[in-house]
Amino acid sequence: MTESTVGISAGCVLTGLVDYVDLDGANLISNDYASGNFVENGKIILSPKPGLGIEMK
């Protein structure tokens, strides 16, 4: 299942509670309507914005 950046950003916040995650779904969406937390080269990059760090494009 492919999630937008909104779903991925929420998942990124919870990664400290699990051993493995699959959060690259937003990388497959060409017309994603938001920006925020993301995964790059296997590393989770958290947004400096408050809350989930999501910003609508």
Protein backbone atom coordinates (compact mmCIF):
# COMPACT_ATOMS: atom_id res chain seq x y z
CA MET A 1 0.00 0.00 0.00
CA THR A 2 1.31 3.45 -0.87
CA GLU A 3 0.88 6.26 1.64
CA SER A 4 1.24 9.98 1.08
CA THR A 5 3.73 12.09 3.01
CA VAL A 6 1.00 12.69 5.60
CA GLY A 7 0.89 8.99 6.50
CA ILE A 8 4.65 8.58 6.28
CA SER A 9 5.23 11.58 8.57
CA ALA A 10 3.00 10.06 11.24
CA GLY A 11 4.82 6.74 10.89
CA CYS A 12 8.24 8.41 11.21
CA VAL A 13 7.33 9.74 14.65
CA LEU A 14 6.53 6.23 15.89
CA THR A 15 9.68 4.48 14.64
CA GLY A 16 11.29 4.46 18.08
CA LEU A 17 8.69 1.91 19.16
CA VAL A 18 9.41 -0.76 16.53
CA ASP A 19 12.30 -2.82 15.18
CA TYR A 20 11.53 -2.53 11.44
CA VAL A 21 9.49 -0.09 9.33
CA ASP A 22 8.53 0.32 5.68
CA LEU A 23 8.12 4.06 5.08
CA ASP A 24 9.20 4.56 1.49
CA GLY A 25 5.70 4.60 -0.02
CA ALA A 26 5.64 8.38 -0.50
CA ASN A 27 8.70 8.11 -2.75
CA LEU A 28 6.50 6.32 -5.30
CA ILE A 29 3.92 9.14 -5.54
CA SER A 30 4.68 11.69 -8.26
CA ASN A 31 1.90 14.12 -7.27
CA ASP A 32 2.13 14.04 -3.48
CA TYR A 33 0.21 16.98 -2.02
CA ALA A 34 2.28 17.46 1.15
CA SER A 35 5.86 17.65 2.39
CA GLY A 36 7.23 16.71 5.79
CA ASN A 37 9.23 13.83 7.25
CA PHE A 38 10.79 11.52 4.68
CA VAL A 39 13.17 8.62 4.19
CA GLU A 40 16.39 9.15 2.25
CA ASN A 41 18.97 6.39 1.69
CA GLY A 42 17.46 4.37 4.55
CA LYS A 43 17.59 7.23 7.06
CA ILE A 44 14.54 8.97 8.50
CA ILE A 45 14.74 12.75 8.11
CA LEU A 46 12.43 14.57 10.52
CA SER A 47 11.03 17.97 9.65
CA PRO A 48 11.92 20.87 11.97
CA LYS A 49 8.32 22.09 11.79
CA PRO A 50 6.05 21.60 14.84
CA GLY A 51 3.74 18.61 15.24
CA LEU A 52 4.13 16.02 12.49
CA GLY A 53 6.09 18.50 10.39
CA ILE A 54 3.62 18.40 7.53
CA GLU A 55 3.17 21.29 5.10
CA MET A 56 0.66 21.30 2.24
CA LYS A 57 2.17 22.11 -1.17
